[in-house]
Amino acid sequence: MLKENPVILAPVIGLVVLGILISLARLGLIGGIALSIIRFLVYSILVAYTTLLLRKGVSSFTKAWEKVTALIITLIVIAIISAVFMLTIILIPVAIFLIPIAIIDEANISETIKRAFNFVAKHIKEVIVVVIVLLVIGIISYAATTLIARADPRIAGATTIISNTITETIYAYFTILATILYYIKTRGETTATKEIELPPPPPPPT
């Protein structure tokens, strides 16, 4: 999906740039709050955009934004719950799927949480693999940039920017992955798979 639709990462790249500008401007708490709100919107749009591609083969940030604004109250509450779940560590697998389920199924808050728990329980092997890979890559990225910064404090600012960029890219990738995984596991074929033309069967032996 990323190969065929690289533009899908445009909002995340914009988010990274905005984070750098806020950091350079030293906006402190206000800047951090603003960035958190924008980050929530960006990842919600990312899920909605991916869902449109899967469901209709449509590539449109405008329609993705319309979907997010239509569900904004539910998504805000779900985002808060997801953040709390992330802090528990053990509920990280559930947290990853909350926003994708809220957007794909357009379910209410309680139903979204229920479906997230059920989905993780039913597909625990795939979900655990996703979470482990996500955590390992995140830890390696953080450790590498921290060691570089300590080795040469003069490039600490640059390594922080690199670390933030890597982190956002990784999180964006796994957000898309979680959306695709939930969609395919609950709905089967996507628009993309339906458009694939299979080769004709071989002729019967004579």
N, C-alpha and C. Protein backbone atom coordinates (compact mmCIF):
# COMPACT_ATOMS: atom_id res chain seq x y z
N MET A 1 0.83 -1.20 0.00
CA MET A 1 0.00 0.00 0.00
C MET A 1 0.87 1.26 0.00
N LEU A 2 1.93 1.23 0.80
CA LEU A 2 2.82 2.40 0.85
C LEU A 2 3.56 2.60 -0.46
N LYS A 3 3.89 1.50 -1.12
CA LYS A 3 4.60 1.60 -2.40
C LYS A 3 3.70 2.24 -3.46
N GLU A 4 2.42 1.85 -3.47
CA GLU A 4 1.50 2.36 -4.47
C GLU A 4 0.90 3.71 -4.09
N ASN A 5 0.89 4.01 -2.79
CA ASN A 5 0.30 5.28 -2.33
C ASN A 5 1.23 5.97 -1.31
N PRO A 6 2.43 6.36 -1.74
CA PRO A 6 3.38 6.98 -0.81
C PRO A 6 2.86 8.29 -0.20
N VAL A 7 1.90 8.92 -0.88
CA VAL A 7 1.34 10.18 -0.39
C VAL A 7 0.63 9.99 0.95
N ILE A 8 0.34 8.74 1.30
CA ILE A 8 -0.36 8.45 2.55
C ILE A 8 0.45 8.94 3.76
N LEU A 9 1.78 9.05 3.60
CA LEU A 9 2.64 9.48 4.70
C LEU A 9 2.82 11.00 4.75
N ALA A 10 2.22 11.72 3.81
CA ALA A 10 2.37 13.19 3.76
C ALA A 10 1.96 13.87 5.08
N PRO A 11 0.81 13.51 5.68
CA PRO A 11 0.43 14.15 6.94
C PRO A 11 1.43 13.89 8.06
N VAL A 12 2.03 12.70 8.06
CA VAL A 12 3.00 12.36 9.11
C VAL A 12 4.28 13.16 8.92
N ILE A 13 4.70 13.33 7.67
CA ILE A 13 5.88 14.15 7.39
C ILE A 13 5.61 15.59 7.84
N GLY A 14 4.40 16.08 7.54
CA GLY A 14 4.02 17.42 8.00
C GLY A 14 4.04 17.52 9.51
N LEU A 15 3.63 16.45 10.18
CA LEU A 15 3.62 16.42 11.65
C LEU A 15 5.05 16.51 12.19
N VAL A 16 5.98 15.81 11.57
CA VAL A 16 7.38 15.85 12.00
C VAL A 16 7.94 17.26 11.84
N VAL A 17 7.67 17.86 10.68
CA VAL A 17 8.15 19.23 10.43
C VAL A 17 7.57 20.20 11.45
N LEU A 18 6.28 20.07 11.73
CA LEU A 18 5.63 20.94 12.71
C LEU A 18 6.25 20.75 14.09
N GLY A 19 6.55 19.51 14.45
CA GLY A 19 7.19 19.24 15.73
C GLY A 19 8.54 19.91 15.84
N ILE A 20 9.30 19.89 14.75
CA ILE A 20 10.61 20.55 14.74
C ILE A 20 10.45 22.06 14.91
N LEU A 21 9.49 22.64 14.20
CA LEU A 21 9.26 24.09 14.30
C LEU A 21 8.83 24.50 15.71
N ILE A 22 7.96 23.70 16.32
CA ILE A 22 7.51 23.99 17.69
C ILE A 22 8.67 23.90 18.67
N SER A 23 9.54 22.91 18.44
CA SER A 23 10.71 22.75 19.31
C SER A 23 11.65 23.93 19.16
N LEU A 24 11.90 24.36 17.93
CA LEU A 24 12.79 25.49 17.69
C LEU A 24 12.22 26.79 18.25
N ALA A 25 10.88 26.89 18.21
CA ALA A 25 10.22 28.11 18.71
C ALA A 25 10.12 28.12 20.24
N ARG A 26 10.45 27.00 20.87
CA ARG A 26 10.41 26.88 22.33
C ARG A 26 9.05 27.29 22.89
N LEU A 27 7.99 26.68 22.36
CA LEU A 27 6.63 27.02 22.79
C LEU A 27 6.20 26.30 24.07
N GLY A 28 7.04 25.39 24.54
CA GLY A 28 6.78 24.74 25.82
C GLY A 28 5.48 23.94 25.88
N LEU A 29 4.75 24.12 26.98
CA LEU A 29 3.54 23.35 27.23
C LEU A 29 2.46 23.59 26.17
N ILE A 30 2.29 24.86 25.79
CA ILE A 30 1.27 25.19 24.78
C ILE A 30 1.58 24.49 23.47
N GLY A 31 2.85 24.52 23.08
CA GLY A 31 3.26 23.86 21.85
C GLY A 31 3.07 22.35 21.93
N GLY A 32 3.36 21.78 23.11
CA GLY A 32 3.19 20.34 23.29
C GLY A 32 1.73 19.92 23.20
N ILE A 33 0.85 20.71 23.80
CA ILE A 33 -0.58 20.41 23.74
C ILE A 33 -1.10 20.51 22.31
N ALA A 34 -0.69 21.59 21.63
CA ALA A 34 -1.11 21.78 20.24
C ALA A 34 -0.63 20.63 19.36
N LEU A 35 0.62 20.21 19.58
CA LEU A 35 1.18 19.12 18.78
C LEU A 35 0.45 17.81 19.05
N SER A 36 0.05 17.57 20.30
CA SER A 36 -0.68 16.35 20.66
C SER A 36 -2.03 16.30 19.97
N ILE A 37 -2.72 17.45 19.93
CA ILE A 37 -4.02 17.51 19.27
C ILE A 37 -3.88 17.25 17.77
N ILE A 38 -2.89 17.89 17.17
CA ILE A 38 -2.66 17.73 15.73
C ILE A 38 -2.24 16.29 15.42
N ARG A 39 -1.45 15.72 16.30
CA ARG A 39 -0.99 14.34 16.12
C ARG A 39 -2.18 13.38 16.13
N PHE A 40 -3.09 13.59 17.05
CA PHE A 40 -4.30 12.77 17.12
C PHE A 40 -5.09 12.86 15.81
N LEU A 41 -5.25 14.07 15.28
CA LEU A 41 -5.99 14.27 14.05
C LEU A 41 -5.28 13.61 12.86
N VAL A 42 -3.95 13.76 12.82
CA VAL A 42 -3.17 13.19 11.71
C VAL A 42 -3.33 11.67 11.66
N TYR A 43 -3.22 11.01 12.80
CA TYR A 43 -3.32 9.54 12.80
C TYR A 43 -4.74 9.06 12.57
N SER A 44 -5.71 9.85 12.97
CA SER A 44 -7.11 9.51 12.67
C SER A 44 -7.34 9.60 11.16
N ILE A 45 -6.80 10.66 10.54
CA ILE A 45 -6.91 10.81 9.09
C ILE A 45 -6.19 9.67 8.38
N LEU A 46 -5.04 9.27 8.92
CA LEU A 46 -4.27 8.17 8.34
C LEU A 46 -5.10 6.89 8.31
N VAL A 47 -5.81 6.61 9.40
CA VAL A 47 -6.67 5.42 9.46
C VAL A 47 -7.84 5.54 8.49
N ALA A 48 -8.47 6.72 8.47
CA ALA A 48 -9.61 6.93 7.57
C ALA A 48 -9.20 6.83 6.11
N TYR A 49 -8.03 7.37 5.79
CA TYR A 49 -7.50 7.32 4.41
C TYR A 49 -7.24 5.86 4.01
N THR A 50 -6.61 5.11 4.90
CA THR A 50 -6.33 3.70 4.62
C THR A 50 -7.62 2.91 4.44
N THR A 51 -8.60 3.21 5.27
CA THR A 51 -9.90 2.53 5.19
C THR A 51 -10.58 2.80 3.85
N LEU A 52 -10.51 4.03 3.38
CA LEU A 52 -11.09 4.38 2.08
C LEU A 52 -10.42 3.59 0.95
N LEU A 53 -9.10 3.46 1.04
CA LEU A 53 -8.38 2.69 0.02
C LEU A 53 -8.79 1.23 0.04
N LEU A 54 -8.95 0.68 1.23
CA LEU A 54 -9.33 -0.73 1.36
C LEU A 54 -10.76 -0.98 0.91
N ARG A 55 -11.66 -0.07 1.29
CA ARG A 55 -13.09 -0.27 1.06
C ARG A 55 -13.52 0.07 -0.35
N LYS A 56 -12.99 1.19 -0.87
CA LYS A 56 -13.48 1.69 -2.16
C LYS A 56 -12.38 1.93 -3.19
N GLY A 57 -11.12 1.75 -2.79
CA GLY A 57 -10.03 2.07 -3.69
C GLY A 57 -9.91 3.56 -3.92
N VAL A 58 -10.45 4.35 -3.01
CA VAL A 58 -10.47 5.81 -3.15
C VAL A 58 -9.31 6.42 -2.37
N SER A 59 -8.57 7.32 -3.04
CA SER A 59 -7.46 8.02 -2.40
C SER A 59 -7.84 9.48 -2.24
N SER A 60 -8.30 9.86 -1.04
CA SER A 60 -8.78 11.23 -0.84
C SER A 60 -8.62 11.65 0.62
N PHE A 61 -7.75 12.64 0.85
CA PHE A 61 -7.60 13.17 2.20
C PHE A 61 -8.83 13.99 2.60
N THR A 62 -9.49 14.56 1.62
CA THR A 62 -10.70 15.34 1.91
C THR A 62 -11.78 14.45 2.50
N LYS A 63 -12.02 13.29 1.86
CA LYS A 63 -13.03 12.37 2.37
C LYS A 63 -12.60 11.75 3.69
N ALA A 64 -11.30 11.54 3.84
CA ALA A 64 -10.79 11.01 5.11
C ALA A 64 -11.04 12.01 6.24
N TRP A 65 -10.81 13.30 5.95
CA TRP A 65 -11.07 14.35 6.94
C TRP A 65 -12.56 14.42 7.28
N GLU A 66 -13.40 14.28 6.28
CA GLU A 66 -14.85 14.30 6.52
C GLU A 66 -15.26 13.15 7.44
N LYS A 67 -14.65 11.98 7.24
CA LYS A 67 -14.96 10.83 8.09
C LYS A 67 -14.53 11.09 9.53
N VAL A 68 -13.36 11.68 9.70
CA VAL A 68 -12.84 11.97 11.04
C VAL A 68 -13.72 12.99 11.75
N THR A 69 -14.10 14.07 11.05
CA THR A 69 -14.91 15.10 11.69
C THR A 69 -16.31 14.57 12.05
N ALA A 70 -16.81 13.63 11.26
CA ALA A 70 -18.13 13.05 11.55
C ALA A 70 -18.10 12.21 12.83
N LEU A 71 -16.92 11.68 13.17
CA LEU A 71 -16.79 10.81 14.35
C LEU A 71 -15.94 11.45 15.45
N ILE A 72 -15.75 12.76 15.37
CA ILE A 72 -14.74 13.43 16.20
C ILE A 72 -14.93 13.23 17.70
N ILE A 73 -16.16 13.30 18.20
CA ILE A 73 -16.39 13.15 19.64
C ILE A 73 -15.98 11.75 20.10
N THR A 74 -16.45 10.75 19.37
CA THR A 74 -16.08 9.36 19.69
C THR A 74 -14.57 9.17 19.63
N LEU A 75 -13.94 9.73 18.61
CA LEU A 75 -12.49 9.56 18.44
C LEU A 75 -11.70 10.24 19.55
N ILE A 76 -12.15 11.38 20.01
CA ILE A 76 -11.46 12.06 21.11
C ILE A 76 -11.46 11.20 22.37
N VAL A 77 -12.63 10.68 22.70
CA VAL A 77 -12.74 9.82 23.89
C VAL A 77 -11.91 8.55 23.72
N ILE A 78 -11.98 7.95 22.54
CA ILE A 78 -11.22 6.73 22.25
C ILE A 78 -9.72 7.01 22.34
N ALA A 79 -9.28 8.17 21.87
CA ALA A 79 -7.86 8.52 21.93
C ALA A 79 -7.38 8.63 23.37
N ILE A 80 -8.20 9.20 24.24
CA ILE A 80 -7.86 9.31 25.66
C ILE A 80 -7.75 7.92 26.29
N ILE A 81 -8.74 7.07 25.98
CA ILE A 81 -8.72 5.70 26.51
C ILE A 81 -7.51 4.94 25.99
N SER A 82 -7.19 5.13 24.72
CA SER A 82 -6.03 4.48 24.12
C SER A 82 -4.74 4.90 24.82
N ALA A 83 -4.62 6.19 25.14
CA ALA A 83 -3.43 6.69 25.83
C ALA A 83 -3.29 6.05 27.21
N VAL A 84 -4.40 5.90 27.90
CA VAL A 84 -4.40 5.25 29.22
C VAL A 84 -4.00 3.78 29.08
N PHE A 85 -4.55 3.09 28.08
CA PHE A 85 -4.21 1.69 27.85
C PHE A 85 -2.72 1.53 27.55
N MET A 86 -2.15 2.47 26.80
CA MET A 86 -0.73 2.41 26.46
C MET A 86 0.15 2.44 27.70
N LEU A 87 -0.28 3.17 28.71
CA LEU A 87 0.50 3.29 29.95
C LEU A 87 0.56 1.98 30.72
N THR A 88 -0.44 1.13 30.54
CA THR A 88 -0.49 -0.14 31.28
C THR A 88 0.43 -1.19 30.69
N ILE A 89 0.91 -0.96 29.47
CA ILE A 89 1.79 -1.89 28.73
C ILE A 89 1.03 -3.14 28.29
N ILE A 90 0.40 -3.82 29.21
CA ILE A 90 -0.29 -5.08 28.89
C ILE A 90 -1.47 -4.84 27.94
N LEU A 91 -2.01 -3.62 27.96
CA LEU A 91 -3.16 -3.32 27.09
C LEU A 91 -2.75 -2.60 25.80
N ILE A 92 -1.45 -2.53 25.53
CA ILE A 92 -0.98 -1.90 24.29
C ILE A 92 -1.60 -2.56 23.05
N PRO A 93 -1.69 -3.91 22.99
CA PRO A 93 -2.32 -4.53 21.81
C PRO A 93 -3.74 -4.04 21.57
N VAL A 94 -4.50 -3.85 22.64
CA VAL A 94 -5.88 -3.35 22.50
C VAL A 94 -5.87 -1.90 22.06
N ALA A 95 -4.98 -1.10 22.64
CA ALA A 95 -4.91 0.33 22.32
C ALA A 95 -4.63 0.58 20.84
N ILE A 96 -3.80 -0.26 20.25
CA ILE A 96 -3.42 -0.09 18.85
C ILE A 96 -4.63 -0.16 17.91
N PHE A 97 -5.63 -0.96 18.28
CA PHE A 97 -6.76 -1.18 17.38
C PHE A 97 -7.98 -0.31 17.68
N LEU A 98 -7.94 0.49 18.72
CA LEU A 98 -9.13 1.25 19.10
C LEU A 98 -9.58 2.24 18.03
N ILE A 99 -8.68 3.10 17.57
CA ILE A 99 -9.07 4.09 16.56
C ILE A 99 -9.42 3.44 15.22
N PRO A 100 -8.63 2.45 14.73
CA PRO A 100 -9.05 1.76 13.51
C PRO A 100 -10.45 1.16 13.59
N ILE A 101 -10.80 0.55 14.73
CA ILE A 101 -12.13 -0.05 14.88
C ILE A 101 -13.20 1.03 14.92
N ALA A 102 -12.93 2.13 15.63
CA ALA A 102 -13.90 3.22 15.72
C ALA A 102 -14.21 3.81 14.35
N ILE A 103 -13.21 3.87 13.48
CA ILE A 103 -13.40 4.46 12.15
C ILE A 103 -13.95 3.44 11.16
N ILE A 104 -13.41 2.24 11.16
CA ILE A 104 -13.86 1.23 10.20
C ILE A 104 -15.29 0.81 10.47
N ASP A 105 -15.60 0.53 11.73
CA ASP A 105 -16.93 0.04 12.09
C ASP A 105 -17.91 1.15 12.45
N GLU A 106 -17.38 2.36 12.66
CA GLU A 106 -18.21 3.49 13.11
C GLU A 106 -19.01 3.11 14.35
N ALA A 107 -18.34 2.38 15.24
CA ALA A 107 -18.99 1.91 16.46
C ALA A 107 -18.92 2.97 17.56
N ASN A 108 -19.82 2.86 18.55
CA ASN A 108 -19.76 3.79 19.67
C ASN A 108 -18.61 3.40 20.60
N ILE A 109 -18.41 4.16 21.66
CA ILE A 109 -17.22 4.00 22.51
C ILE A 109 -17.18 2.62 23.16
N SER A 110 -18.25 2.21 23.82
CA SER A 110 -18.26 0.93 24.52
C SER A 110 -18.12 -0.24 23.56
N GLU A 111 -18.76 -0.14 22.41
CA GLU A 111 -18.69 -1.21 21.41
C GLU A 111 -17.28 -1.30 20.80
N THR A 112 -16.66 -0.15 20.61
CA THR A 112 -15.30 -0.13 20.07
C THR A 112 -14.34 -0.84 21.01
N ILE A 113 -14.44 -0.54 22.30
CA ILE A 113 -13.57 -1.18 23.30
C ILE A 113 -13.82 -2.68 23.34
N LYS A 114 -15.08 -3.07 23.32
CA LYS A 114 -15.45 -4.49 23.34
C LYS A 114 -14.89 -5.22 22.13
N ARG A 115 -15.05 -4.62 20.95
CA ARG A 115 -14.56 -5.26 19.72
C ARG A 115 -13.04 -5.34 19.70
N ALA A 116 -12.37 -4.34 20.28
CA ALA A 116 -10.91 -4.36 20.32
C ALA A 116 -10.41 -5.52 21.18
N PHE A 117 -11.01 -5.71 22.35
CA PHE A 117 -10.63 -6.83 23.21
C PHE A 117 -10.92 -8.16 22.52
N ASN A 118 -12.08 -8.28 21.89
CA ASN A 118 -12.44 -9.52 21.21
C ASN A 118 -11.50 -9.82 20.05
N PHE A 119 -11.15 -8.78 19.30
CA PHE A 119 -10.27 -8.97 18.14
C PHE A 119 -8.88 -9.43 18.58
N VAL A 120 -8.35 -8.78 19.61
CA VAL A 120 -7.02 -9.15 20.10
C VAL A 120 -7.03 -10.58 20.63
N ALA A 121 -8.08 -10.95 21.36
CA ALA A 121 -8.17 -12.30 21.90
C ALA A 121 -8.26 -13.35 20.78
N LYS A 122 -8.99 -13.02 19.72
CA LYS A 122 -9.21 -13.96 18.63
C LYS A 122 -7.98 -14.11 17.74
N HIS A 123 -7.22 -13.02 17.59
CA HIS A 123 -6.05 -13.03 16.70
C HIS A 123 -4.79 -12.71 17.48
N ILE A 124 -4.65 -13.32 18.63
CA ILE A 124 -3.57 -12.99 19.55
C ILE A 124 -2.18 -13.19 18.95
N LYS A 125 -1.99 -14.25 18.13
CA LYS A 125 -0.67 -14.52 17.56
C LYS A 125 -0.21 -13.38 16.65
N GLU A 126 -1.07 -12.99 15.70
CA GLU A 126 -0.70 -11.91 14.79
C GLU A 126 -0.48 -10.60 15.54
N VAL A 127 -1.35 -10.32 16.51
CA VAL A 127 -1.27 -9.08 17.26
C VAL A 127 0.01 -9.02 18.09
N ILE A 128 0.36 -10.12 18.75
CA ILE A 128 1.57 -10.15 19.56
C ILE A 128 2.81 -9.91 18.70
N VAL A 129 2.85 -10.51 17.51
CA VAL A 129 3.98 -10.30 16.60
C VAL A 129 4.10 -8.82 16.24
N VAL A 130 2.97 -8.20 15.91
CA VAL A 130 2.97 -6.78 15.56
C VAL A 130 3.50 -5.93 16.72
N VAL A 131 3.02 -6.21 17.92
CA VAL A 131 3.42 -5.42 19.10
C VAL A 131 4.89 -5.61 19.42
N ILE A 132 5.38 -6.86 19.36
CA ILE A 132 6.79 -7.12 19.67
C ILE A 132 7.71 -6.41 18.68
N VAL A 133 7.38 -6.51 17.39
CA VAL A 133 8.19 -5.84 16.37
C VAL A 133 8.17 -4.33 16.59
N LEU A 134 7.00 -3.78 16.89
CA LEU A 134 6.87 -2.36 17.13
C LEU A 134 7.73 -1.91 18.32
N LEU A 135 7.67 -2.66 19.40
CA LEU A 135 8.44 -2.31 20.60
C LEU A 135 9.94 -2.44 20.37
N VAL A 136 10.36 -3.51 19.70
CA VAL A 136 11.78 -3.73 19.45
C VAL A 136 12.37 -2.62 18.59
N ILE A 137 11.67 -2.30 17.50
CA ILE A 137 12.16 -1.24 16.61
C ILE A 137 12.21 0.09 17.36
N GLY A 138 11.17 0.37 18.16
CA GLY A 138 11.14 1.61 18.92
C GLY A 138 12.28 1.71 19.92
N ILE A 139 12.56 0.60 20.61
CA ILE A 139 13.64 0.58 21.60
C ILE A 139 15.00 0.76 20.93
N ILE A 140 15.21 0.06 19.82
CA ILE A 140 16.48 0.19 19.09
C ILE A 140 16.69 1.62 18.62
N SER A 141 15.63 2.22 18.06
CA SER A 141 15.72 3.59 17.57
C SER A 141 16.06 4.55 18.70
N TYR A 142 15.37 4.41 19.83
CA TYR A 142 15.61 5.30 20.97
C TYR A 142 17.01 5.11 21.53
N ALA A 143 17.43 3.85 21.69
CA ALA A 143 18.75 3.56 22.25
C ALA A 143 19.87 4.09 21.36
N ALA A 144 19.73 3.88 20.05
CA ALA A 144 20.77 4.31 19.11
C ALA A 144 20.95 5.83 19.14
N THR A 145 19.84 6.56 19.06
CA THR A 145 19.94 8.03 19.04
C THR A 145 20.42 8.57 20.38
N THR A 146 20.06 7.92 21.49
CA THR A 146 20.51 8.35 22.82
C THR A 146 22.02 8.16 22.96
N LEU A 147 22.54 7.02 22.50
CA LEU A 147 23.97 6.76 22.57
C LEU A 147 24.77 7.74 21.73
N ILE A 148 24.22 8.05 20.55
CA ILE A 148 24.90 9.02 19.67
C ILE A 148 24.94 10.39 20.32
N ALA A 149 23.83 10.80 20.91
CA ALA A 149 23.76 12.11 21.56
C ALA A 149 24.73 12.20 22.73
N ARG A 150 24.86 11.12 23.51
CA ARG A 150 25.78 11.13 24.65
C ARG A 150 27.22 11.12 24.20
N ALA A 151 27.49 10.45 23.08
CA ALA A 151 28.86 10.40 22.56
C ALA A 151 29.32 11.77 22.08
N ASP A 152 28.40 12.55 21.52
CA ASP A 152 28.74 13.88 21.03
C ASP A 152 27.57 14.82 21.29
N PRO A 153 27.57 15.52 22.43
CA PRO A 153 26.45 16.41 22.80
C PRO A 153 26.17 17.49 21.76
N ARG A 154 27.16 17.80 20.93
CA ARG A 154 26.97 18.87 19.94
C ARG A 154 25.91 18.51 18.90
N ILE A 155 25.68 17.21 18.72
CA ILE A 155 24.68 16.81 17.72
C ILE A 155 23.42 16.26 18.39
N ALA A 156 23.25 16.59 19.68
CA ALA A 156 22.07 16.10 20.41
C ALA A 156 20.77 16.56 19.77
N GLY A 157 20.74 17.83 19.34
CA GLY A 157 19.53 18.37 18.70
C GLY A 157 19.19 17.63 17.42
N ALA A 158 20.22 17.37 16.61
CA ALA A 158 20.00 16.67 15.34
C ALA A 158 19.53 15.24 15.57
N THR A 159 20.11 14.56 16.58
CA THR A 159 19.71 13.18 16.85
C THR A 159 18.28 13.11 17.38
N THR A 160 17.88 14.14 18.13
CA THR A 160 16.49 14.18 18.62
C THR A 160 15.52 14.28 17.46
N ILE A 161 15.85 15.13 16.49
CA ILE A 161 15.02 15.27 15.30
C ILE A 161 14.94 13.96 14.53
N ILE A 162 16.10 13.30 14.38
CA ILE A 162 16.15 12.02 13.68
C ILE A 162 15.31 10.98 14.41
N SER A 163 15.47 10.95 15.75
CA SER A 163 14.71 10.00 16.57
C SER A 163 13.21 10.22 16.43
N ASN A 164 12.78 11.48 16.50
CA ASN A 164 11.35 11.80 16.37
C ASN A 164 10.82 11.39 15.00
N THR A 165 11.63 11.64 13.97
CA THR A 165 11.22 11.28 12.60
C THR A 165 11.05 9.78 12.46
N ILE A 166 12.03 9.01 12.98
CA ILE A 166 11.96 7.56 12.91
C ILE A 166 10.76 7.04 13.69
N THR A 167 10.56 7.60 14.89
CA THR A 167 9.45 7.17 15.74
C THR A 167 8.10 7.38 15.06
N GLU A 168 7.91 8.57 14.49
CA GLU A 168 6.64 8.87 13.82
C GLU A 168 6.43 7.98 12.61
N THR A 169 7.51 7.72 11.85
CA THR A 169 7.40 6.87 10.67
C THR A 169 7.02 5.44 11.06
N ILE A 170 7.66 4.94 12.12
CA ILE A 170 7.36 3.60 12.61
C ILE A 170 5.91 3.51 13.07
N TYR A 171 5.48 4.51 13.86
CA TYR A 171 4.12 4.49 14.39
C TYR A 171 3.10 4.59 13.26
N ALA A 172 3.42 5.41 12.24
CA ALA A 172 2.53 5.54 11.09
C ALA A 172 2.41 4.21 10.36
N TYR A 173 3.54 3.53 10.18
CA TYR A 173 3.53 2.23 9.49
C TYR A 173 2.66 1.23 10.24
N PHE A 174 2.81 1.17 11.55
CA PHE A 174 2.05 0.19 12.32
C PHE A 174 0.59 0.59 12.50
N THR A 175 0.30 1.87 12.39
CA THR A 175 -1.09 2.32 12.39
C THR A 175 -1.78 1.82 11.12
N ILE A 176 -1.09 1.96 9.99
CA ILE A 176 -1.62 1.46 8.72
C ILE A 176 -1.75 -0.07 8.77
N LEU A 177 -0.74 -0.73 9.33
CA LEU A 177 -0.75 -2.19 9.44
C LEU A 177 -1.92 -2.67 10.29
N ALA A 178 -2.16 -2.01 11.43
CA ALA A 178 -3.26 -2.39 12.31
C ALA A 178 -4.60 -2.21 11.60
N THR A 179 -4.72 -1.13 10.83
CA THR A 179 -5.96 -0.86 10.09
C THR A 179 -6.21 -1.95 9.05
N ILE A 180 -5.17 -2.29 8.30
CA ILE A 180 -5.30 -3.33 7.27
C ILE A 180 -5.61 -4.69 7.90
N LEU A 181 -4.90 -5.00 8.99
CA LEU A 181 -5.10 -6.29 9.66
C LEU A 181 -6.53 -6.44 10.15
N TYR A 182 -7.06 -5.41 10.80
CA TYR A 182 -8.43 -5.49 11.31
C TYR A 182 -9.43 -5.57 10.16
N TYR A 183 -9.21 -4.78 9.12
CA TYR A 183 -10.15 -4.75 8.00
C TYR A 183 -10.22 -6.10 7.30
N ILE A 184 -9.04 -6.69 7.00
CA ILE A 184 -9.02 -7.95 6.27
C ILE A 184 -9.54 -9.10 7.13
N LYS A 185 -9.18 -9.11 8.42
CA LYS A 185 -9.62 -10.19 9.30
C LYS A 185 -11.13 -10.16 9.54
N THR A 186 -11.74 -8.98 9.45
CA THR A 186 -13.17 -8.88 9.73
C THR A 186 -14.02 -8.79 8.47
N ARG A 187 -13.39 -8.48 7.34
CA ARG A 187 -14.17 -8.30 6.11
C ARG A 187 -13.67 -9.12 4.93
N GLY A 188 -12.53 -9.75 5.06
CA GLY A 188 -12.05 -10.58 3.97
C GLY A 188 -11.43 -9.77 2.86
N GLU A 189 -11.95 -9.93 1.64
CA GLU A 189 -11.38 -9.26 0.48
C GLU A 189 -11.45 -7.75 0.58
N THR A 190 -10.46 -7.08 0.01
CA THR A 190 -10.48 -5.63 -0.11
C THR A 190 -10.67 -5.28 -1.58
N THR A 191 -10.87 -4.00 -1.85
CA THR A 191 -11.01 -3.56 -3.24
C THR A 191 -9.78 -3.94 -4.04
N ALA A 192 -8.61 -3.83 -3.41
CA ALA A 192 -7.37 -4.13 -4.11
C ALA A 192 -7.30 -5.60 -4.52
N THR A 193 -7.68 -6.51 -3.61
CA THR A 193 -7.58 -7.93 -3.93
C THR A 193 -8.62 -8.34 -4.96
N LYS A 194 -9.76 -7.66 -4.96
CA LYS A 194 -10.80 -8.00 -5.93
C LYS A 194 -10.38 -7.63 -7.35
N GLU A 195 -9.47 -6.63 -7.47
CA GLU A 195 -9.08 -6.16 -8.79
C GLU A 195 -7.95 -6.99 -9.39
N ILE A 196 -7.37 -7.89 -8.59
CA ILE A 196 -6.28 -8.72 -9.10
C ILE A 196 -6.84 -9.79 -10.02
N GLU A 197 -6.27 -9.86 -11.23
CA GLU A 197 -6.73 -10.86 -12.20
C GLU A 197 -5.86 -12.11 -12.06
N LEU A 198 -6.46 -13.20 -11.68
CA LEU A 198 -5.72 -14.44 -11.55
C LEU A 198 -5.49 -15.05 -12.93
N PRO A 199 -4.38 -15.75 -13.10
CA PRO A 199 -4.11 -16.40 -14.41
C PRO A 199 -5.11 -17.51 -14.64
N PRO A 200 -5.43 -17.82 -15.89
CA PRO A 200 -6.37 -18.90 -16.18
C PRO A 200 -5.81 -20.24 -15.72
N PRO A 201 -6.68 -21.17 -15.33
CA PRO A 201 -6.20 -22.48 -14.88
C PRO A 201 -5.55 -23.24 -16.04
N PRO A 202 -4.62 -24.14 -15.75
CA PRO A 202 -3.98 -24.90 -16.83
C PRO A 202 -4.99 -25.84 -17.49
N PRO A 203 -4.77 -26.20 -18.75
CA PRO A 203 -5.71 -27.10 -19.43
C PRO A 203 -5.66 -28.49 -18.81
N PRO A 204 -6.77 -29.21 -18.83
CA PRO A 204 -6.79 -30.57 -18.26
C PRO A 204 -5.85 -31.49 -19.02
N PRO A 205 -5.26 -32.45 -18.32
CA PRO A 205 -4.34 -33.38 -19.02
C PRO A 205 -5.08 -34.21 -20.07
N THR A 206 -4.41 -34.47 -21.14
CA THR A 206 -5.02 -35.25 -22.23
C THR A 206 -4.57 -36.70 -22.17
